[in-house]
Amino acid sequence: MKSKNKNSFINNFFSKNHKAAMEMSVGTIVTIVLLMSVLVLGIFLVQQIFGSAKGAIELTDAQLQSEISKLFGDSDSRLLLFPTSGEIEVKAGNEEAFGIGIRNVATNINDPTTFSYEVIYEGNTCGLSEAQVKNWIGLRGSGTNIEVGIDQIVTKKVVFSIPEGTPKCTGAFAVQVKRDGKPYDSEDVNIKRK
């Protein structure tokens, strides 16, 4: 009889431990699944927040001026683009924009203060004609007679629009700035069809 009780006790002991181990495994799996869900949700939200801030279409002129002024800081740069990546993504059928910051770094009061800029087509990976990709340039693709005082910054917003049906690809452009009709600075920008 003692042997039977001993075996029953041992079986009962291992059965309870096995049940506890299974409950712990299920609890661990549920915890891992919940943590992974929170992690994926967090990554998605961060991408949405930063993804929406990539272009300048939603920024007011004052906000764009503020962002570009921060980028210039104490640098001697003459031309900056916002966003600084030099690349924006545009959904077909929608508009997006990038900001241009022009700084007059002249030190002589007699130096010209009249600037102009133009967005120039440089190529594409779409297999589209030059004319088709040039048509992506919307509002303010160029500007003339822009007065910029010495050590002052002027900002402009260039809008791009990609028509429906355009294949996913990239259009390469350059922003060329001139002072008093002479080359001043340039920056490259890529427009990607999302």
C-alpha atoms as a PDB file:
ATOM      1  CA  MET A   1       0.000   0.000   0.000  1.00  0.00           C
ATOM      2  CA  LYS A   2       2.860   2.353   0.845  1.00  0.00           C
ATOM      3  CA  SER A   3       4.387   1.712  -2.564  1.00  0.00           C
ATOM      4  CA  LYS A   4       1.091   2.555  -4.254  1.00  0.00           C
ATOM      5  CA  ASN A   5       0.804   5.843  -2.326  1.00  0.00           C
ATOM      6  CA  LYS A   6       4.406   6.639  -3.134  1.00  0.00           C
ATOM      7  CA  ASN A   7       3.828   6.070  -6.878  1.00  0.00           C
ATOM      8  CA  SER A   8       0.592   8.072  -6.736  1.00  0.00           C
ATOM      9  CA  PHE A   9       2.403  10.896  -4.970  1.00  0.00           C
ATOM     10  CA  ILE A  10       5.219  10.916  -7.560  1.00  0.00           C
ATOM     11  CA  ASN A  11       2.763  10.800 -10.497  1.00  0.00           C
ATOM     12  CA  ASN A  12       0.668  13.539  -8.939  1.00  0.00           C
ATOM     13  CA  PHE A  13       3.786  15.670  -8.277  1.00  0.00           C
ATOM     14  CA  PHE A  14       5.062  15.379 -11.849  1.00  0.00           C
ATOM     15  CA  SER A  15       1.582  15.943 -13.258  1.00  0.00           C
ATOM     16  CA  LYS A  16       1.242  19.233 -11.321  1.00  0.00           C
ATOM     17  CA  ASN A  17       4.728  20.355 -12.398  1.00  0.00           C
ATOM     18  CA  HIS A  18       3.963  19.483 -16.008  1.00  0.00           C
ATOM     19  CA  LYS A  19       0.690  21.439 -15.826  1.00  0.00           C
ATOM     20  CA  ALA A  20       2.486  24.426 -14.269  1.00  0.00           C
ATOM     21  CA  ALA A  21       5.174  24.293 -16.963  1.00  0.00           C
ATOM     22  CA  MET A  22       2.506  24.265 -19.695  1.00  0.00           C
ATOM     23  CA  GLU A  23       0.717  27.242 -18.117  1.00  0.00           C
ATOM     24  CA  MET A  24       4.011  29.117 -17.908  1.00  0.00           C
ATOM     25  CA  SER A  25       4.791  28.332 -21.577  1.00  0.00           C
ATOM     26  CA  VAL A  26       1.378  29.568 -22.726  1.00  0.00           C
ATOM     27  CA  GLY A  27       1.771  32.722 -20.603  1.00  0.00           C
ATOM     28  CA  THR A  28       5.209  33.354 -22.067  1.00  0.00           C
ATOM     29  CA  ILE A  29       3.952  32.906 -25.626  1.00  0.00           C
ATOM     30  CA  VAL A  30       1.021  35.285 -25.031  1.00  0.00           C
ATOM     31  CA  THR A  31       3.385  37.872 -23.532  1.00  0.00           C
ATOM     32  CA  ILE A  32       5.780  37.611 -26.497  1.00  0.00           C
ATOM     33  CA  VAL A  33       2.910  37.957 -28.991  1.00  0.00           C
ATOM     34  CA  LEU A  34       1.577  41.038 -27.186  1.00  0.00           C
ATOM     35  CA  LEU A  35       5.031  42.634 -27.007  1.00  0.00           C
ATOM     36  CA  MET A  36       5.655  41.991 -30.706  1.00  0.00           C
ATOM     37  CA  SER A  37       2.265  43.527 -31.549  1.00  0.00           C
ATOM     38  CA  VAL A  38       3.130  46.659 -29.565  1.00  0.00           C
ATOM     39  CA  LEU A  39       6.551  46.829 -31.262  1.00  0.00           C
ATOM     40  CA  VAL A  40       5.048  46.550 -34.761  1.00  0.00           C
ATOM     41  CA  LEU A  41       2.414  49.154 -33.927  1.00  0.00           C
ATOM     42  CA  GLY A  42       5.113  51.486 -32.575  1.00  0.00           C
ATOM     43  CA  ILE A  43       7.231  51.111 -35.727  1.00  0.00           C
ATOM     44  CA  PHE A  44       4.170  51.753 -37.896  1.00  0.00           C
ATOM     45  CA  LEU A  45       3.282  54.917 -35.984  1.00  0.00           C
ATOM     46  CA  VAL A  46       6.850  56.248 -36.150  1.00  0.00           C
ATOM     47  CA  GLN A  47       6.916  55.664 -39.923  1.00  0.00           C
ATOM     48  CA  GLN A  48       3.601  57.448 -40.318  1.00  0.00           C
ATOM     49  CA  ILE A  49       4.733  60.423 -38.244  1.00  0.00           C
ATOM     50  CA  PHE A  50       8.083  60.824 -39.962  1.00  0.00           C
ATOM     51  CA  GLY A  51       6.762  59.789 -43.355  1.00  0.00           C
ATOM     52  CA  SER A  52       4.225  62.605 -43.316  1.00  0.00           C
ATOM     53  CA  ALA A  53       6.943  65.123 -42.456  1.00  0.00           C
ATOM     54  CA  LYS A  54       9.155  64.242 -45.410  1.00  0.00           C
ATOM     55  CA  GLY A  55       7.930  66.911 -47.797  1.00  0.00           C
ATOM     56  CA  ALA A  56       7.083  70.560 -47.367  1.00  0.00           C
ATOM     57  CA  ILE A  57       3.588  70.631 -48.878  1.00  0.00           C
ATOM     58  CA  GLU A  58       1.872  70.874 -45.475  1.00  0.00           C
ATOM     59  CA  LEU A  59       4.206  73.545 -44.083  1.00  0.00           C
ATOM     60  CA  THR A  60       3.152  77.178 -44.053  1.00  0.00           C
ATOM     61  CA  ASP A  61       5.633  79.723 -45.378  1.00  0.00           C
ATOM     62  CA  ALA A  62       6.524  80.706 -41.786  1.00  0.00           C
ATOM     63  CA  GLN A  63       7.103  77.057 -40.774  1.00  0.00           C
ATOM     64  CA  LEU A  64       9.262  76.456 -43.847  1.00  0.00           C
ATOM     65  CA  GLN A  65      11.275  79.608 -43.084  1.00  0.00           C
ATOM     66  CA  SER A  66      11.793  78.377 -39.522  1.00  0.00           C
ATOM     67  CA  GLU A  67      12.884  74.878 -40.598  1.00  0.00           C
ATOM     68  CA  ILE A  68      15.340  76.161 -43.188  1.00  0.00           C
ATOM     69  CA  SER A  69      16.729  78.811 -40.818  1.00  0.00           C
ATOM     70  CA  LYS A  70      17.467  76.026 -38.306  1.00  0.00           C
ATOM     71  CA  LEU A  71      19.239  74.033 -41.015  1.00  0.00           C
ATOM     72  CA  PHE A  72      21.444  76.961 -41.979  1.00  0.00           C
ATOM     73  CA  GLY A  73      22.434  77.553 -38.344  1.00  0.00           C
ATOM     74  CA  ASP A  74      25.971  78.935 -38.263  1.00  0.00           C
ATOM     75  CA  SER A  75      27.002  77.316 -41.552  1.00  0.00           C
ATOM     76  CA  ASP A  76      28.294  79.203 -44.569  1.00  0.00           C
ATOM     77  CA  SER A  77      25.935  77.323 -46.922  1.00  0.00           C
ATOM     78  CA  ARG A  78      24.421  79.320 -49.744  1.00  0.00           C
ATOM     79  CA  LEU A  79      21.627  76.920 -50.693  1.00  0.00           C
ATOM     80  CA  LEU A  80      19.741  74.290 -48.708  1.00  0.00           C
ATOM     81  CA  LEU A  81      16.817  72.050 -49.528  1.00  0.00           C
ATOM     82  CA  PHE A  82      14.114  70.820 -47.159  1.00  0.00           C
ATOM     83  CA  PRO A  83      13.916  67.942 -46.560  1.00  0.00           C
ATOM     84  CA  THR A  84      17.667  67.602 -46.323  1.00  0.00           C
ATOM     85  CA  SER A  85      17.642  64.092 -47.809  1.00  0.00           C
ATOM     86  CA  GLY A  86      17.294  65.711 -51.228  1.00  0.00           C
ATOM     87  CA  GLU A  87      14.526  63.259 -52.047  1.00  0.00           C
ATOM     88  CA  ILE A  88      10.754  63.358 -51.767  1.00  0.00           C
ATOM     89  CA  GLU A  89       8.146  60.742 -52.548  1.00  0.00           C
ATOM     90  CA  VAL A  90       4.968  61.676 -54.391  1.00  0.00           C
ATOM     91  CA  LYS A  91       1.919  59.448 -54.777  1.00  0.00           C
ATOM     92  CA  ALA A  92       0.554  59.387 -58.306  1.00  0.00           C
ATOM     93  CA  GLY A  93      -2.300  61.858 -58.548  1.00  0.00           C
ATOM     94  CA  ASN A  94      -1.114  63.857 -55.523  1.00  0.00           C
ATOM     95  CA  GLU A  95       1.158  66.819 -54.887  1.00  0.00           C
ATOM     96  CA  GLU A  96       4.247  67.139 -52.720  1.00  0.00           C
ATOM     97  CA  ALA A  97       6.774  69.919 -52.309  1.00  0.00           C
ATOM     98  CA  PHE A  98      10.297  70.672 -51.211  1.00  0.00           C
ATOM     99  CA  GLY A  99      11.621  73.882 -49.780  1.00  0.00           C
ATOM    100  CA  ILE A 100      14.506  75.945 -51.104  1.00  0.00           C
ATOM    101  CA  GLY A 101      16.538  78.164 -48.826  1.00  0.00           C
ATOM    102  CA  ILE A 102      18.767  80.775 -50.474  1.00  0.00           C
ATOM    103  CA  ARG A 103      21.232  82.659 -48.311  1.00  0.00           C
ATOM    104  CA  ASN A 104      23.156  85.720 -49.419  1.00  0.00           C
ATOM    105  CA  VAL A 105      26.665  85.225 -48.029  1.00  0.00           C
ATOM    106  CA  ALA A 106      28.021  88.433 -49.579  1.00  0.00           C
ATOM    107  CA  THR A 107      30.204  90.601 -47.352  1.00  0.00           C
ATOM    108  CA  ASN A 108      30.493  93.659 -49.582  1.00  0.00           C
ATOM    109  CA  ILE A 109      27.579  96.106 -49.582  1.00  0.00           C
ATOM    110  CA  ASN A 110      28.095  96.618 -53.313  1.00  0.00           C
ATOM    111  CA  ASP A 111      27.535  92.925 -54.129  1.00  0.00           C
ATOM    112  CA  PRO A 112      24.295  92.197 -56.019  1.00  0.00           C
ATOM    113  CA  THR A 113      21.319  91.086 -53.930  1.00  0.00           C
ATOM    114  CA  THR A 114      19.010  89.912 -56.729  1.00  0.00           C
ATOM    115  CA  PHE A 115      18.674  86.148 -57.079  1.00  0.00           C
ATOM    116  CA  SER A 116      16.825  83.704 -59.294  1.00  0.00           C
ATOM    117  CA  TYR A 117      16.352  79.949 -59.230  1.00  0.00           C
ATOM    118  CA  GLU A 118      15.206  77.254 -61.621  1.00  0.00           C
ATOM    119  CA  VAL A 119      14.468  73.549 -61.256  1.00  0.00           C
ATOM    120  CA  ILE A 120      16.238  71.757 -64.105  1.00  0.00           C
ATOM    121  CA  TYR A 121      15.438  68.251 -65.368  1.00  0.00           C
ATOM    122  CA  GLU A 122      18.451  65.903 -65.306  1.00  0.00           C
ATOM    123  CA  GLY A 123      17.057  62.437 -66.099  1.00  0.00           C
ATOM    124  CA  ASN A 124      14.749  59.632 -64.997  1.00  0.00           C
ATOM    125  CA  THR A 125      14.588  55.901 -64.385  1.00  0.00           C
ATOM    126  CA  CYS A 126      11.044  55.597 -65.771  1.00  0.00           C
ATOM    127  CA  GLY A 127      11.644  55.286 -69.459  1.00  0.00           C
ATOM    128  CA  LEU A 128       9.459  58.393 -69.854  1.00  0.00           C
ATOM    129  CA  SER A 129      10.277  61.269 -72.159  1.00  0.00           C
ATOM    130  CA  GLU A 130      11.990  64.376 -70.850  1.00  0.00           C
ATOM    131  CA  ALA A 131       8.816  66.389 -71.496  1.00  0.00           C
ATOM    132  CA  GLN A 132       6.680  63.946 -69.460  1.00  0.00           C
ATOM    133  CA  VAL A 133       8.957  64.161 -66.414  1.00  0.00           C
ATOM    134  CA  LYS A 134       9.404  67.933 -66.742  1.00  0.00           C
ATOM    135  CA  ASN A 135       5.619  68.174 -66.442  1.00  0.00           C
ATOM    136  CA  TRP A 136       5.954  66.893 -62.856  1.00  0.00           C
ATOM    137  CA  ILE A 137       7.235  70.356 -61.936  1.00  0.00           C
ATOM    138  CA  GLY A 138       4.222  72.264 -60.717  1.00  0.00           C
ATOM    139  CA  LEU A 139       3.994  75.606 -58.989  1.00  0.00           C
ATOM    140  CA  ARG A 140       7.062  77.760 -58.478  1.00  0.00           C
ATOM    141  CA  GLY A 141       9.468  75.697 -60.572  1.00  0.00           C
ATOM    142  CA  SER A 142      11.399  78.909 -61.094  1.00  0.00           C
ATOM    143  CA  GLY A 143      11.645  82.363 -59.605  1.00  0.00           C
ATOM    144  CA  THR A 144      13.259  85.631 -60.658  1.00  0.00           C
ATOM    145  CA  ASN A 145      14.030  89.029 -59.149  1.00  0.00           C
ATOM    146  CA  ILE A 146      14.232  87.650 -55.603  1.00  0.00           C
ATOM    147  CA  GLU A 147      15.762  90.234 -53.296  1.00  0.00           C
ATOM    148  CA  VAL A 148      17.934  88.729 -50.544  1.00  0.00           C
ATOM    149  CA  GLY A 149      19.750  91.123 -48.216  1.00  0.00           C
ATOM    150  CA  ILE A 150      23.298  90.400 -47.072  1.00  0.00           C
ATOM    151  CA  ASP A 151      23.305  87.480 -44.597  1.00  0.00           C
ATOM    152  CA  GLN A 152      19.537  87.065 -45.081  1.00  0.00           C
ATOM    153  CA  ILE A 153      17.639  83.906 -46.043  1.00  0.00           C
ATOM    154  CA  VAL A 154      14.715  83.604 -48.455  1.00  0.00           C
ATOM    155  CA  THR A 155      12.645  80.441 -48.751  1.00  0.00           C
ATOM    156  CA  LYS A 156      10.580  79.172 -51.651  1.00  0.00           C
ATOM    157  CA  LYS A 157       8.417  76.086 -52.040  1.00  0.00           C
ATOM    158  CA  VAL A 158       8.474  74.046 -55.267  1.00  0.00           C
ATOM    159  CA  VAL A 159       5.453  71.814 -55.842  1.00  0.00           C
ATOM    160  CA  PHE A 160       5.573  68.562 -57.812  1.00  0.00           C
ATOM    161  CA  SER A 161       2.607  66.628 -59.156  1.00  0.00           C
ATOM    162  CA  ILE A 162       2.876  63.167 -60.719  1.00  0.00           C
ATOM    163  CA  PRO A 163      -0.010  62.082 -62.964  1.00  0.00           C
ATOM    164  CA  GLU A 164      -1.990  58.882 -62.402  1.00  0.00           C
ATOM    165  CA  GLY A 165      -0.622  55.929 -64.348  1.00  0.00           C
ATOM    166  CA  THR A 166       3.024  56.945 -63.994  1.00  0.00           C
ATOM    167  CA  PRO A 167       5.216  53.888 -63.288  1.00  0.00           C
ATOM    168  CA  LYS A 168       7.211  53.712 -60.053  1.00  0.00           C
ATOM    169  CA  CYS A 169      10.467  55.460 -60.765  1.00  0.00           C
ATOM    170  CA  THR A 170      12.668  58.442 -59.910  1.00  0.00           C
ATOM    171  CA  GLY A 171      13.055  61.765 -61.681  1.00  0.00           C
ATOM    172  CA  ALA A 172      16.349  63.573 -61.136  1.00  0.00           C
ATOM    173  CA  PHE A 173      16.354  67.365 -60.952  1.00  0.00           C
ATOM    174  CA  ALA A 174      18.737  70.126 -59.907  1.00  0.00           C
ATOM    175  CA  VAL A 175      17.940  73.443 -58.277  1.00  0.00           C
ATOM    176  CA  GLN A 176      20.182  76.062 -59.859  1.00  0.00           C
ATOM    177  CA  VAL A 177      20.480  79.450 -58.183  1.00  0.00           C
ATOM    178  CA  LYS A 178      21.944  82.528 -59.833  1.00  0.00           C
ATOM    179  CA  ARG A 179      22.917  85.885 -58.341  1.00  0.00           C
ATOM    180  CA  ASP A 180      22.636  88.786 -60.735  1.00  0.00           C
ATOM    181  CA  GLY A 181      22.439  86.281 -63.614  1.00  0.00           C
ATOM    182  CA  LYS A 182      25.654  84.456 -62.676  1.00  0.00           C
ATOM    183  CA  PRO A 183      25.808  80.907 -61.200  1.00  0.00           C
ATOM    184  CA  TYR A 184      25.661  81.007 -57.401  1.00  0.00           C
ATOM    185  CA  ASP A 185      24.966  77.448 -56.182  1.00  0.00           C
ATOM    186  CA  SER A 186      23.050  74.275 -57.022  1.00  0.00           C
ATOM    187  CA  GLU A 187      21.653  71.196 -55.276  1.00  0.00           C
ATOM    188  CA  ASP A 188      20.271  67.917 -56.601  1.00  0.00           C
ATOM    189  CA  VAL A 189      16.822  66.616 -55.726  1.00  0.00           C
ATOM    190  CA  ASN A 190      15.165  63.311 -56.606  1.00  0.00           C
ATOM    191  CA  ILE A 191      11.417  62.966 -56.987  1.00  0.00           C
ATOM    192  CA  LYS A 192      10.257  59.391 -56.469  1.00  0.00           C
ATOM    193  CA  ARG A 193       6.873  58.158 -57.582  1.00  0.00           C
ATOM    194  CA  LYS A 194       5.486  56.236 -54.584  1.00  0.00           C
END
